Amino acid sequence: MRPILLQGHERALTQVKYSKEGDLIFSVSKDHIVCAWYSANGERFGAYKGHVGALWTVDVDPNTALLASGGADNTLRLWEVKTGRLIKTWEFGTSIKRCEFSEDGLQLLCVTEKRSGQLSTIVVYDINPDPEAEQNDEHSLRIVVDDIPKVTVAGFSYMTKFIIAGHEDGSVTQYDAKTGEELIHTFPHEENSPVTDLQWSSDRTYFITSSKDKTAKLHDSKKLETLKTYVADTPLNSAAITPEPTNYVILGGGQAAMDVTTTSARQGKFEARFYHKVFEEEIGRVRGHFGPLNYVAVDPTGKSYCSGGEDGYVRVHHFDPPYFDFKFEVERENKR
């Protein structure tokens, strides 16, 4: 896999996302700018400027018409992808740590940070998918998380039926996406090991979480049962699921950023790790970053994946034919 290096940011990458068609990649970092790139060749598509603080999160709607971003300037912003025009700004009393569109693009969720006297909340807005339309000022749902540790990540399940949230103490909660009622609360990760990422399967019926406890876990969206566990040798910052017909998960992490100046890339474990989704076995690693991997994302069409690192680079890897041909012996036998 020969990588394409994207060098548009001056500071650490915090999140990268593909468009639904896989032709565009959107990245955010601590340098206040949202960047967009063509995934095929790494050419710059554009930049979205307006934030005045570090950016933590970005997402694009299913039609690649609207882009959402949030960060330390206490704003959630909505942009028109094609023109870079700022459509809407929602202001909060604290920073935005995660945003995500629903499966149909008609709702937008954001997670607010718990600090400065502000409680951790999950806020949902109804979205008009037309870039020319007026957007709502008021939220349609607000979940205040005060009886359990703060939310670190959250997203919508299949058919926008549930909101699934990961917490600072390693727990995962399922809420009713219409009423905000808490339905299930589980502890899949070690106590006080924050859930660092939550990403969905292509149909959102199951999802993967990563944690500082050096594991990633696959969960059922309906019952929150842990289906699979992937054990790494380093704290994990991100985990992604490859689409069918391949059966892999990709994990990213590494030694803490404050220690990277005294550690080589190999010792720091700054590699993307590939595991077989069903058999839970590690099958390979991809090097390249000079700091921890803060986020990994997979092309929804399955042709590539990208990673964003503490070193400020986005690396895009297009899969070679052997990647699609690789099979465990039991898988080859089942195909006969």
C-alpha atoms as a PDB file:
ATOM      1  CA  MET A   1       0.000   0.000   0.000  1.00  0.00           C
ATOM      2  CA  ARG A   2       1.763   3.100  -1.226  1.00  0.00           C
ATOM      3  CA  PRO A   3       0.550   6.096   0.797  1.00  0.00           C
ATOM      4  CA  ILE A   4      -0.484   9.572  -0.329  1.00  0.00           C
ATOM      5  CA  LEU A   5       0.681  12.185   2.164  1.00  0.00           C
ATOM      6  CA  LEU A   6      -1.629  15.161   2.822  1.00  0.00           C
ATOM      7  CA  GLN A   7       0.259  18.120   4.283  1.00  0.00           C
ATOM      8  CA  GLY A   8      -2.280  20.897   4.712  1.00  0.00           C
ATOM      9  CA  HIS A   9      -2.249  21.196   8.509  1.00  0.00           C
ATOM     10  CA  GLU A  10       0.304  22.823  10.780  1.00  0.00           C
ATOM     11  CA  ARG A  11      -0.701  21.045  13.996  1.00  0.00           C
ATOM     12  CA  ALA A  12      -1.870  17.645  15.243  1.00  0.00           C
ATOM     13  CA  LEU A  13      -4.738  15.976  13.367  1.00  0.00           C
ATOM     14  CA  THR A  14      -7.798  15.238  15.493  1.00  0.00           C
ATOM     15  CA  GLN A  15     -10.261  13.602  13.084  1.00  0.00           C
ATOM     16  CA  VAL A  16     -10.566  12.533   9.432  1.00  0.00           C
ATOM     17  CA  LYS A  17     -13.737  11.520   7.578  1.00  0.00           C
ATOM     18  CA  TYR A  18     -14.619  10.196   4.116  1.00  0.00           C
ATOM     19  CA  SER A  19     -17.617  11.280   2.081  1.00  0.00           C
ATOM     20  CA  LYS A  20     -20.151   8.497   1.508  1.00  0.00           C
ATOM     21  CA  GLU A  21     -18.878   7.949  -2.060  1.00  0.00           C
ATOM     22  CA  GLY A  22     -15.293   7.820  -0.794  1.00  0.00           C
ATOM     23  CA  ASP A  23     -14.059  10.456  -3.246  1.00  0.00           C
ATOM     24  CA  LEU A  24     -13.381  13.173  -0.649  1.00  0.00           C
ATOM     25  CA  ILE A  25     -11.582  13.218   2.705  1.00  0.00           C
ATOM     26  CA  PHE A  26     -12.216  15.899   5.327  1.00  0.00           C
ATOM     27  CA  SER A  27      -9.703  16.558   8.092  1.00  0.00           C
ATOM     28  CA  VAL A  28      -9.526  18.786  11.168  1.00  0.00           C
ATOM     29  CA  SER A  29      -6.654  19.626  13.479  1.00  0.00           C
ATOM     30  CA  LYS A  30      -5.648  22.008  16.223  1.00  0.00           C
ATOM     31  CA  ASP A  31      -4.874  24.710  13.613  1.00  0.00           C
ATOM     32  CA  HIS A  32      -8.503  25.990  13.305  1.00  0.00           C
ATOM     33  CA  ILE A  33      -9.037  24.953   9.631  1.00  0.00           C
ATOM     34  CA  VAL A  34     -11.162  22.217   8.055  1.00  0.00           C
ATOM     35  CA  CYS A  35      -9.432  20.802   4.960  1.00  0.00           C
ATOM     36  CA  ALA A  36     -10.923  18.742   2.127  1.00  0.00           C
ATOM     37  CA  TRP A  37      -8.986  16.495  -0.276  1.00  0.00           C
ATOM     38  CA  TYR A  38      -9.592  14.220  -3.246  1.00  0.00           C
ATOM     39  CA  SER A  39      -8.896  10.728  -1.945  1.00  0.00           C
ATOM     40  CA  ALA A  40      -7.713   9.386  -5.312  1.00  0.00           C
ATOM     41  CA  ASN A  41      -4.661  11.643  -5.647  1.00  0.00           C
ATOM     42  CA  GLY A  42      -4.447  13.784  -2.503  1.00  0.00           C
ATOM     43  CA  GLU A  43      -5.166  17.023  -4.372  1.00  0.00           C
ATOM     44  CA  ARG A  44      -6.619  19.791  -2.223  1.00  0.00           C
ATOM     45  CA  PHE A  45     -10.360  20.279  -2.753  1.00  0.00           C
ATOM     46  CA  GLY A  46     -10.744  23.267  -0.451  1.00  0.00           C
ATOM     47  CA  ALA A  47     -10.602  24.707   3.056  1.00  0.00           C
ATOM     48  CA  TYR A  48     -13.304  25.914   5.441  1.00  0.00           C
ATOM     49  CA  LYS A  49     -12.139  28.875   7.526  1.00  0.00           C
ATOM     50  CA  GLY A  50     -13.970  30.594  10.359  1.00  0.00           C
ATOM     51  CA  HIS A  51     -13.246  28.722  13.591  1.00  0.00           C
ATOM     52  CA  VAL A  52     -10.982  30.506  16.086  1.00  0.00           C
ATOM     53  CA  GLY A  53      -9.975  27.550  18.248  1.00  0.00           C
ATOM     54  CA  ALA A  54      -8.590  24.050  17.907  1.00  0.00           C
ATOM     55  CA  LEU A  55     -10.939  21.726  16.028  1.00  0.00           C
ATOM     56  CA  TRP A  56     -11.896  18.353  17.492  1.00  0.00           C
ATOM     57  CA  THR A  57     -14.497  16.942  15.141  1.00  0.00           C
ATOM     58  CA  VAL A  58     -15.869  16.890  11.585  1.00  0.00           C
ATOM     59  CA  ASP A  59     -18.565  14.988   9.675  1.00  0.00           C
ATOM     60  CA  VAL A  60     -20.195  15.139   6.235  1.00  0.00           C
ATOM     61  CA  ASP A  61     -23.812  14.342   5.380  1.00  0.00           C
ATOM     62  CA  PRO A  62     -24.783  11.377   3.115  1.00  0.00           C
ATOM     63  CA  ASN A  63     -25.245  13.649   0.077  1.00  0.00           C
ATOM     64  CA  THR A  64     -21.853  15.383   0.510  1.00  0.00           C
ATOM     65  CA  ALA A  65     -23.778  18.660   0.499  1.00  0.00           C
ATOM     66  CA  LEU A  66     -23.323  19.724   4.137  1.00  0.00           C
ATOM     67  CA  LEU A  67     -20.298  19.600   6.422  1.00  0.00           C
ATOM     68  CA  ALA A  68     -20.337  19.944  10.211  1.00  0.00           C
ATOM     69  CA  SER A  69     -17.389  20.890  12.425  1.00  0.00           C
ATOM     70  CA  GLY A  70     -16.868  21.688  16.089  1.00  0.00           C
ATOM     71  CA  GLY A  71     -14.074  22.665  18.398  1.00  0.00           C
ATOM     72  CA  ALA A  72     -12.609  24.646  21.254  1.00  0.00           C
ATOM     73  CA  ASP A  73     -14.174  27.962  20.180  1.00  0.00           C
ATOM     74  CA  ASN A  74     -17.443  26.605  21.656  1.00  0.00           C
ATOM     75  CA  THR A  75     -19.210  26.508  18.280  1.00  0.00           C
ATOM     76  CA  LEU A  76     -20.773  23.870  16.053  1.00  0.00           C
ATOM     77  CA  ARG A  77     -20.724  25.049  12.442  1.00  0.00           C
ATOM     78  CA  LEU A  78     -22.508  23.921   9.292  1.00  0.00           C
ATOM     79  CA  TRP A  79     -20.905  24.506   5.876  1.00  0.00           C
ATOM     80  CA  GLU A  80     -21.823  24.015   2.242  1.00  0.00           C
ATOM     81  CA  VAL A  81     -19.311  21.473   0.935  1.00  0.00           C
ATOM     82  CA  LYS A  82     -19.221  22.690  -2.668  1.00  0.00           C
ATOM     83  CA  THR A  83     -18.636  26.399  -2.018  1.00  0.00           C
ATOM     84  CA  GLY A  84     -17.141  26.511   1.484  1.00  0.00           C
ATOM     85  CA  ARG A  85     -19.920  28.881   2.590  1.00  0.00           C
ATOM     86  CA  LEU A  86     -20.718  29.003   6.293  1.00  0.00           C
ATOM     87  CA  ILE A  87     -24.442  28.230   6.625  1.00  0.00           C
ATOM     88  CA  LYS A  88     -25.061  28.122  10.365  1.00  0.00           C
ATOM     89  CA  THR A  89     -23.255  28.609  13.688  1.00  0.00           C
ATOM     90  CA  TRP A  90     -24.576  27.229  16.975  1.00  0.00           C
ATOM     91  CA  GLU A  91     -22.880  28.631  20.077  1.00  0.00           C
ATOM     92  CA  PHE A  92     -22.338  26.759  23.342  1.00  0.00           C
ATOM     93  CA  GLY A  93     -20.835  27.426  26.750  1.00  0.00           C
ATOM     94  CA  THR A  94     -18.074  24.861  26.243  1.00  0.00           C
ATOM     95  CA  SER A  95     -16.197  23.077  23.459  1.00  0.00           C
ATOM     96  CA  ILE A  96     -17.637  20.562  20.981  1.00  0.00           C
ATOM     97  CA  LYS A  97     -15.856  17.196  21.163  1.00  0.00           C
ATOM     98  CA  ARG A  98     -17.795  15.162  18.589  1.00  0.00           C
ATOM     99  CA  CYS A  99     -20.390  15.729  15.866  1.00  0.00           C
ATOM    100  CA  GLU A 100     -22.182  13.256  13.598  1.00  0.00           C
ATOM    101  CA  PHE A 101     -24.982  13.242  11.047  1.00  0.00           C
ATOM    102  CA  SER A 102     -27.712  10.618  11.235  1.00  0.00           C
ATOM    103  CA  GLU A 103     -27.874   7.893   8.597  1.00  0.00           C
ATOM    104  CA  ASP A 104     -30.379   9.893   6.514  1.00  0.00           C
ATOM    105  CA  GLY A 105     -28.663  13.246   7.090  1.00  0.00           C
ATOM    106  CA  LEU A 106     -31.783  14.801   8.646  1.00  0.00           C
ATOM    107  CA  GLN A 107     -30.326  15.144  12.133  1.00  0.00           C
ATOM    108  CA  LEU A 108     -27.002  16.362  13.509  1.00  0.00           C
ATOM    109  CA  LEU A 109     -25.682  15.361  16.909  1.00  0.00           C
ATOM    110  CA  CYS A 110     -22.946  17.014  18.949  1.00  0.00           C
ATOM    111  CA  VAL A 111     -21.222  16.222  22.247  1.00  0.00           C
ATOM    112  CA  THR A 112     -20.237  19.095  24.540  1.00  0.00           C
ATOM    113  CA  GLU A 113     -17.314  19.042  26.966  1.00  0.00           C
ATOM    114  CA  LYS A 114     -17.809  18.993  30.732  1.00  0.00           C
ATOM    115  CA  ARG A 115     -15.872  21.972  32.127  1.00  0.00           C
ATOM    116  CA  SER A 116     -16.197  25.592  33.261  1.00  0.00           C
ATOM    117  CA  GLY A 117     -19.322  24.755  35.219  1.00  0.00           C
ATOM    118  CA  GLN A 118     -20.933  23.200  32.125  1.00  0.00           C
ATOM    119  CA  LEU A 119     -22.345  19.663  32.192  1.00  0.00           C
ATOM    120  CA  SER A 120     -21.560  17.088  29.510  1.00  0.00           C
ATOM    121  CA  THR A 121     -24.461  17.015  27.027  1.00  0.00           C
ATOM    122  CA  ILE A 122     -25.574  15.370  23.796  1.00  0.00           C
ATOM    123  CA  VAL A 123     -27.467  17.873  21.646  1.00  0.00           C
ATOM    124  CA  VAL A 124     -29.436  17.025  18.479  1.00  0.00           C
ATOM    125  CA  TYR A 125     -30.597  19.421  15.745  1.00  0.00           C
ATOM    126  CA  ASP A 126     -33.044  18.725  12.927  1.00  0.00           C
ATOM    127  CA  ILE A 127     -31.282  19.498   9.640  1.00  0.00           C
ATOM    128  CA  ASN A 128     -32.694  20.623   6.295  1.00  0.00           C
ATOM    129  CA  PRO A 129     -30.490  18.911   3.672  1.00  0.00           C
ATOM    130  CA  ASP A 130     -30.886  21.832   1.243  1.00  0.00           C
ATOM    131  CA  PRO A 131     -27.833  24.138   1.599  1.00  0.00           C
ATOM    132  CA  GLU A 132     -30.027  27.127   0.693  1.00  0.00           C
ATOM    133  CA  ALA A 133     -32.579  26.471   3.426  1.00  0.00           C
ATOM    134  CA  GLU A 134     -32.777  28.076   6.861  1.00  0.00           C
ATOM    135  CA  GLN A 135     -31.553  25.835   9.687  1.00  0.00           C
ATOM    136  CA  ASN A 136     -33.126  25.558  13.129  1.00  0.00           C
ATOM    137  CA  ASP A 137     -31.791  27.670  15.981  1.00  0.00           C
ATOM    138  CA  GLU A 138     -33.235  25.393  18.650  1.00  0.00           C
ATOM    139  CA  HIS A 139     -32.261  21.809  19.318  1.00  0.00           C
ATOM    140  CA  SER A 140     -34.804  18.982  18.990  1.00  0.00           C
ATOM    141  CA  LEU A 141     -33.238  16.904  21.792  1.00  0.00           C
ATOM    142  CA  ARG A 142     -30.841  17.549  24.666  1.00  0.00           C
ATOM    143  CA  ILE A 143     -29.485  14.792  26.890  1.00  0.00           C
ATOM    144  CA  VAL A 144     -27.764  16.049  30.032  1.00  0.00           C
ATOM    145  CA  VAL A 145     -25.253  13.540  31.396  1.00  0.00           C
ATOM    146  CA  ASP A 146     -24.866  14.338  35.081  1.00  0.00           C
ATOM    147  CA  ASP A 147     -25.182  10.993  36.864  1.00  0.00           C
ATOM    148  CA  ILE A 148     -22.426   9.195  34.913  1.00  0.00           C
ATOM    149  CA  PRO A 149     -18.981  10.439  33.783  1.00  0.00           C
ATOM    150  CA  LYS A 150     -18.815  12.757  30.803  1.00  0.00           C
ATOM    151  CA  VAL A 151     -19.489  11.647  27.241  1.00  0.00           C
ATOM    152  CA  THR A 152     -16.397  11.375  25.030  1.00  0.00           C
ATOM    153  CA  VAL A 153     -17.996  10.067  21.804  1.00  0.00           C
ATOM    154  CA  ALA A 154     -21.537   9.481  20.498  1.00  0.00           C
ATOM    155  CA  GLY A 155     -23.463   8.681  17.341  1.00  0.00           C
ATOM    156  CA  PHE A 156     -26.750   7.490  15.787  1.00  0.00           C
ATOM    157  CA  SER A 157     -27.498   3.798  15.311  1.00  0.00           C
ATOM    158  CA  TYR A 158     -29.428   2.207  12.409  1.00  0.00           C
ATOM    159  CA  MET A 159     -32.625   4.029  11.368  1.00  0.00           C
ATOM    160  CA  THR A 160     -31.756   6.743  13.925  1.00  0.00           C
ATOM    161  CA  LYS A 161     -33.350   4.488  16.550  1.00  0.00           C
ATOM    162  CA  PHE A 162     -30.729   4.882  19.290  1.00  0.00           C
ATOM    163  CA  ILE A 163     -27.982   7.258  20.306  1.00  0.00           C
ATOM    164  CA  ILE A 164     -24.943   5.335  21.528  1.00  0.00           C
ATOM    165  CA  ALA A 165     -22.436   7.165  23.735  1.00  0.00           C
ATOM    166  CA  GLY A 166     -19.009   6.265  25.127  1.00  0.00           C
ATOM    167  CA  HIS A 167     -17.855   7.719  28.440  1.00  0.00           C
ATOM    168  CA  GLU A 168     -14.720   8.762  30.268  1.00  0.00           C
ATOM    169  CA  ASP A 169     -14.989   5.828  32.686  1.00  0.00           C
ATOM    170  CA  GLY A 170     -14.974   3.157  29.941  1.00  0.00           C
ATOM    171  CA  SER A 171     -18.757   2.655  29.897  1.00  0.00           C
ATOM    172  CA  VAL A 172     -21.179   2.758  26.958  1.00  0.00           C
ATOM    173  CA  THR A 173     -24.793   3.981  27.089  1.00  0.00           C
ATOM    174  CA  GLN A 174     -27.748   3.484  24.766  1.00  0.00           C
ATOM    175  CA  TYR A 175     -30.377   6.256  24.652  1.00  0.00           C
ATOM    176  CA  ASP A 176     -33.684   6.459  22.844  1.00  0.00           C
ATOM    177  CA  ALA A 177     -32.993   8.826  19.936  1.00  0.00           C
ATOM    178  CA  LYS A 178     -36.469  10.373  20.105  1.00  0.00           C
ATOM    179  CA  THR A 179     -36.960  10.876  23.861  1.00  0.00           C
ATOM    180  CA  GLY A 180     -33.389  10.820  25.195  1.00  0.00           C
ATOM    181  CA  GLU A 181     -34.341   8.160  27.747  1.00  0.00           C
ATOM    182  CA  GLU A 182     -31.436   6.042  29.003  1.00  0.00           C
ATOM    183  CA  LEU A 183     -32.085   2.414  27.993  1.00  0.00           C
ATOM    184  CA  ILE A 184     -28.893   0.411  28.613  1.00  0.00           C
ATOM    185  CA  HIS A 185     -25.646   1.197  30.421  1.00  0.00           C
ATOM    186  CA  THR A 186     -22.717  -1.253  30.207  1.00  0.00           C
ATOM    187  CA  PHE A 187     -18.993  -1.393  31.078  1.00  0.00           C
ATOM    188  CA  PRO A 188     -17.210  -3.100  28.179  1.00  0.00           C
ATOM    189  CA  HIS A 189     -13.851  -1.426  28.889  1.00  0.00           C
ATOM    190  CA  GLU A 190     -11.682  -1.275  32.005  1.00  0.00           C
ATOM    191  CA  GLU A 191     -12.832   1.097  34.707  1.00  0.00           C
ATOM    192  CA  ASN A 192     -11.568   4.668  34.252  1.00  0.00           C
ATOM    193  CA  SER A 193     -10.173   3.884  30.779  1.00  0.00           C
ATOM    194  CA  PRO A 194     -11.863   6.455  28.498  1.00  0.00           C
ATOM    195  CA  VAL A 195     -13.680   5.364  25.356  1.00  0.00           C
ATOM    196  CA  THR A 196     -11.705   7.246  22.694  1.00  0.00           C
ATOM    197  CA  ASP A 197     -13.656   6.471  19.510  1.00  0.00           C
ATOM    198  CA  LEU A 198     -16.911   4.963  18.249  1.00  0.00           C
ATOM    199  CA  GLN A 199     -17.400   4.039  14.589  1.00  0.00           C
ATOM    200  CA  TRP A 200     -20.193   2.154  12.826  1.00  0.00           C
ATOM    201  CA  SER A 201     -20.550  -0.772  10.484  1.00  0.00           C
ATOM    202  CA  SER A 202     -21.961   0.207   7.087  1.00  0.00           C
ATOM    203  CA  ASP A 203     -25.538  -0.600   8.185  1.00  0.00           C
ATOM    204  CA  ARG A 204     -25.034   0.730  11.761  1.00  0.00           C
ATOM    205  CA  THR A 205     -26.353  -2.483  13.341  1.00  0.00           C
ATOM    206  CA  TYR A 206     -23.047  -2.897  15.170  1.00  0.00           C
ATOM    207  CA  PHE A 207     -20.159  -0.619  16.088  1.00  0.00           C
ATOM    208  CA  ILE A 208     -16.602  -0.613  17.389  1.00  0.00           C
ATOM    209  CA  THR A 209     -15.161   1.305  20.335  1.00  0.00           C
ATOM    210  CA  SER A 210     -11.511   1.938  21.181  1.00  0.00           C
ATOM    211  CA  SER A 211     -10.138   2.718  24.627  1.00  0.00           C
ATOM    212  CA  LYS A 212      -7.068   3.693  26.577  1.00  0.00           C
ATOM    213  CA  ASP A 213      -7.204   0.179  28.101  1.00  0.00           C
ATOM    214  CA  LYS A 214      -5.419  -1.062  24.911  1.00  0.00           C
ATOM    215  CA  THR A 215      -8.484  -2.836  23.526  1.00  0.00           C
ATOM    216  CA  ALA A 216     -11.103  -2.257  20.866  1.00  0.00           C
ATOM    217  CA  LYS A 217     -14.469  -3.996  21.087  1.00  0.00           C
ATOM    218  CA  LEU A 218     -17.247  -4.797  18.641  1.00  0.00           C
ATOM    219  CA  HIS A 219     -20.778  -4.286  20.001  1.00  0.00           C
ATOM    220  CA  ASP A 220     -24.332  -5.020  18.907  1.00  0.00           C
ATOM    221  CA  SER A 221     -26.299  -1.764  18.543  1.00  0.00           C
ATOM    222  CA  LYS A 222     -29.585  -3.197  19.826  1.00  0.00           C
ATOM    223  CA  LYS A 223     -28.485  -4.933  23.044  1.00  0.00           C
ATOM    224  CA  LEU A 224     -24.985  -3.474  23.528  1.00  0.00           C
ATOM    225  CA  GLU A 225     -23.560  -6.994  23.777  1.00  0.00           C
ATOM    226  CA  THR A 226     -19.802  -7.213  23.245  1.00  0.00           C
ATOM    227  CA  LEU A 227     -19.301  -9.407  20.180  1.00  0.00           C
ATOM    228  CA  LYS A 228     -15.514  -9.344  19.689  1.00  0.00           C
ATOM    229  CA  THR A 229     -12.421  -7.993  21.475  1.00  0.00           C
ATOM    230  CA  TYR A 230      -9.175  -6.891  19.805  1.00  0.00           C
ATOM    231  CA  VAL A 231      -6.183  -6.639  22.136  1.00  0.00           C
ATOM    232  CA  ALA A 232      -3.329  -4.242  21.283  1.00  0.00           C
ATOM    233  CA  ASP A 233      -0.053  -3.375  23.016  1.00  0.00           C
ATOM    234  CA  THR A 234      -0.611   0.366  23.206  1.00  0.00           C
ATOM    235  CA  PRO A 235      -3.398   2.785  24.259  1.00  0.00           C
ATOM    236  CA  LEU A 236      -5.849   3.183  21.376  1.00  0.00           C
ATOM    237  CA  ASN A 237      -7.248   6.453  20.053  1.00  0.00           C
ATOM    238  CA  SER A 238      -9.373   5.166  17.184  1.00  0.00           C
ATOM    239  CA  ALA A 239     -10.900   2.086  15.561  1.00  0.00           C
ATOM    240  CA  ALA A 240     -12.714   1.547  12.251  1.00  0.00           C
ATOM    241  CA  ILE A 241     -14.564  -1.317  10.527  1.00  0.00           C
ATOM    242  CA  THR A 242     -13.905  -2.127   6.869  1.00  0.00           C
ATOM    243  CA  PRO A 243     -17.006  -2.645   4.687  1.00  0.00           C
ATOM    244  CA  GLU A 244     -18.010  -5.999   3.211  1.00  0.00           C
ATOM    245  CA  PRO A 245     -16.736  -8.209   1.623  1.00  0.00           C
ATOM    246  CA  THR A 246     -13.530  -7.730   3.658  1.00  0.00           C
ATOM    247  CA  ASN A 247     -13.570  -8.723   7.319  1.00  0.00           C
ATOM    248  CA  TYR A 248     -11.120  -6.437   9.080  1.00  0.00           C
ATOM    249  CA  VAL A 249     -10.936  -3.769  11.714  1.00  0.00           C
ATOM    250  CA  ILE A 250      -8.227  -1.098  11.804  1.00  0.00           C
ATOM    251  CA  LEU A 251      -6.902   0.273  15.098  1.00  0.00           C
ATOM    252  CA  GLY A 252      -4.775   3.364  15.696  1.00  0.00           C
ATOM    253  CA  GLY A 253      -3.020   4.741  18.753  1.00  0.00           C
ATOM    254  CA  GLY A 254       0.450   4.958  20.245  1.00  0.00           C
ATOM    255  CA  GLN A 255       2.440   6.234  23.156  1.00  0.00           C
ATOM    256  CA  ALA A 256       1.218   9.491  24.728  1.00  0.00           C
ATOM    257  CA  ALA A 257       1.998  12.609  22.693  1.00  0.00           C
ATOM    258  CA  MET A 258       4.022  14.210  25.509  1.00  0.00           C
ATOM    259  CA  ASP A 259       6.593  11.410  25.252  1.00  0.00           C
ATOM    260  CA  VAL A 260       7.013  11.150  21.492  1.00  0.00           C
ATOM    261  CA  THR A 261      10.083  13.406  21.218  1.00  0.00           C
ATOM    262  CA  THR A 262      12.188  10.867  23.092  1.00  0.00           C
ATOM    263  CA  THR A 263      10.824   7.768  21.405  1.00  0.00           C
ATOM    264  CA  SER A 264      11.414   6.224  17.980  1.00  0.00           C
ATOM    265  CA  ALA A 265       8.444   5.471  15.736  1.00  0.00           C
ATOM    266  CA  ARG A 266       8.818   1.740  16.306  1.00  0.00           C
ATOM    267  CA  GLN A 267       9.065   1.973  20.088  1.00  0.00           C
ATOM    268  CA  GLY A 268       6.176   4.404  20.228  1.00  0.00           C
ATOM    269  CA  LYS A 269       4.037   1.913  18.283  1.00  0.00           C
ATOM    270  CA  PHE A 270       2.816   4.569  15.831  1.00  0.00           C
ATOM    271  CA  GLU A 271       1.260   2.060  13.440  1.00  0.00           C
ATOM    272  CA  ALA A 272      -2.152   1.231  12.045  1.00  0.00           C
ATOM    273  CA  ARG A 273      -3.037  -2.298  13.149  1.00  0.00           C
ATOM    274  CA  PHE A 274      -5.186  -4.633  11.090  1.00  0.00           C
ATOM    275  CA  TYR A 275      -7.181  -7.376  12.819  1.00  0.00           C
ATOM    276  CA  HIS A 276      -9.488 -10.019  11.397  1.00  0.00           C
ATOM    277  CA  LYS A 277     -12.969  -8.962  12.447  1.00  0.00           C
ATOM    278  CA  VAL A 278     -14.226 -12.485  13.166  1.00  0.00           C
ATOM    279  CA  PHE A 279     -11.116 -14.311  14.416  1.00  0.00           C
ATOM    280  CA  GLU A 280      -9.780 -11.341  16.453  1.00  0.00           C
ATOM    281  CA  GLU A 281      -6.224 -12.023  15.269  1.00  0.00           C
ATOM    282  CA  GLU A 282      -3.796  -9.291  14.239  1.00  0.00           C
ATOM    283  CA  ILE A 283      -2.799  -9.794  10.596  1.00  0.00           C
ATOM    284  CA  GLY A 284      -0.593  -6.787   9.843  1.00  0.00           C
ATOM    285  CA  ARG A 285       0.629  -3.282  10.610  1.00  0.00           C
ATOM    286  CA  VAL A 286       1.267  -0.197   8.513  1.00  0.00           C
ATOM    287  CA  ARG A 287       3.933   2.276   9.605  1.00  0.00           C
ATOM    288  CA  GLY A 288       4.512   5.850   8.550  1.00  0.00           C
ATOM    289  CA  HIS A 289       3.478   8.356  11.202  1.00  0.00           C
ATOM    290  CA  PHE A 290       6.013  10.030  13.517  1.00  0.00           C
ATOM    291  CA  GLY A 291       3.572  10.310  16.406  1.00  0.00           C
ATOM    292  CA  PRO A 292       0.441   8.639  17.744  1.00  0.00           C
ATOM    293  CA  LEU A 293      -2.411   7.952  15.332  1.00  0.00           C
ATOM    294  CA  ASN A 294      -5.280  10.089  16.583  1.00  0.00           C
ATOM    295  CA  TYR A 295      -7.851   8.807  14.100  1.00  0.00           C
ATOM    296  CA  VAL A 296      -8.363   6.133  11.434  1.00  0.00           C
ATOM    297  CA  ALA A 297     -11.167   6.144   8.847  1.00  0.00           C
ATOM    298  CA  VAL A 298     -12.147   3.681   6.111  1.00  0.00           C
ATOM    299  CA  ASP A 299     -13.449   4.549   2.661  1.00  0.00           C
ATOM    300  CA  PRO A 300     -17.141   3.447   2.620  1.00  0.00           C
ATOM    301  CA  THR A 301     -16.500   1.808  -0.774  1.00  0.00           C
ATOM    302  CA  GLY A 302     -13.670  -0.248   0.761  1.00  0.00           C
ATOM    303  CA  LYS A 303     -10.919   0.913  -1.597  1.00  0.00           C
ATOM    304  CA  SER A 304      -8.714   2.767   0.895  1.00  0.00           C
ATOM    305  CA  TYR A 305      -8.228   3.954   4.454  1.00  0.00           C
ATOM    306  CA  CYS A 306      -6.633   7.046   5.954  1.00  0.00           C
ATOM    307  CA  SER A 307      -5.070   7.981   9.269  1.00  0.00           C
ATOM    308  CA  GLY A 308      -4.474  11.316  10.963  1.00  0.00           C
ATOM    309  CA  GLY A 309      -1.575  11.680  13.370  1.00  0.00           C
ATOM    310  CA  GLU A 310      -0.109  13.836  16.077  1.00  0.00           C
ATOM    311  CA  ASP A 311       2.613  14.669  13.509  1.00  0.00           C
ATOM    312  CA  GLY A 312       0.107  16.802  11.532  1.00  0.00           C
ATOM    313  CA  TYR A 313      -0.134  14.523   8.489  1.00  0.00           C
ATOM    314  CA  VAL A 314      -2.981  12.601   6.894  1.00  0.00           C
ATOM    315  CA  ARG A 315      -1.794   9.402   5.218  1.00  0.00           C
ATOM    316  CA  VAL A 316      -4.084   7.841   2.605  1.00  0.00           C
ATOM    317  CA  HIS A 317      -3.472   4.183   1.712  1.00  0.00           C
ATOM    318  CA  HIS A 318      -5.159   2.598  -1.311  1.00  0.00           C
ATOM    319  CA  PHE A 319      -5.471  -1.155  -0.924  1.00  0.00           C
ATOM    320  CA  ASP A 320      -3.557  -3.415  -3.315  1.00  0.00           C
ATOM    321  CA  PRO A 321      -5.157  -6.571  -4.850  1.00  0.00           C
ATOM    322  CA  PRO A 322      -3.504  -8.942  -2.300  1.00  0.00           C
ATOM    323  CA  TYR A 323      -5.452  -7.184   0.454  1.00  0.00           C
ATOM    324  CA  PHE A 324      -8.747  -8.290  -1.094  1.00  0.00           C
ATOM    325  CA  ASP A 325      -7.440 -11.796  -1.876  1.00  0.00           C
ATOM    326  CA  PHE A 326      -6.114 -12.588   1.615  1.00  0.00           C
ATOM    327  CA  LYS A 327      -8.126 -15.264   3.414  1.00  0.00           C
ATOM    328  CA  PHE A 328      -7.658 -17.470   6.447  1.00  0.00           C
ATOM    329  CA  GLU A 329      -7.564 -21.175   5.601  1.00  0.00           C
ATOM    330  CA  VAL A 330     -11.004 -21.759   7.080  1.00  0.00           C
ATOM    331  CA  GLU A 331     -12.402 -18.940   4.910  1.00  0.00           C
ATOM    332  CA  ARG A 332     -10.890 -20.471   1.780  1.00  0.00           C
ATOM    333  CA  GLU A 333     -12.396 -23.839   2.639  1.00  0.00           C
ATOM    334  CA  ASN A 334     -15.845 -22.333   3.143  1.00  0.00           C
ATOM    335  CA  LYS A 335     -15.711 -20.803  -0.331  1.00  0.00           C
ATOM    336  CA  ARG A 336     -15.177 -24.164  -2.023  1.00  0.00           C
END
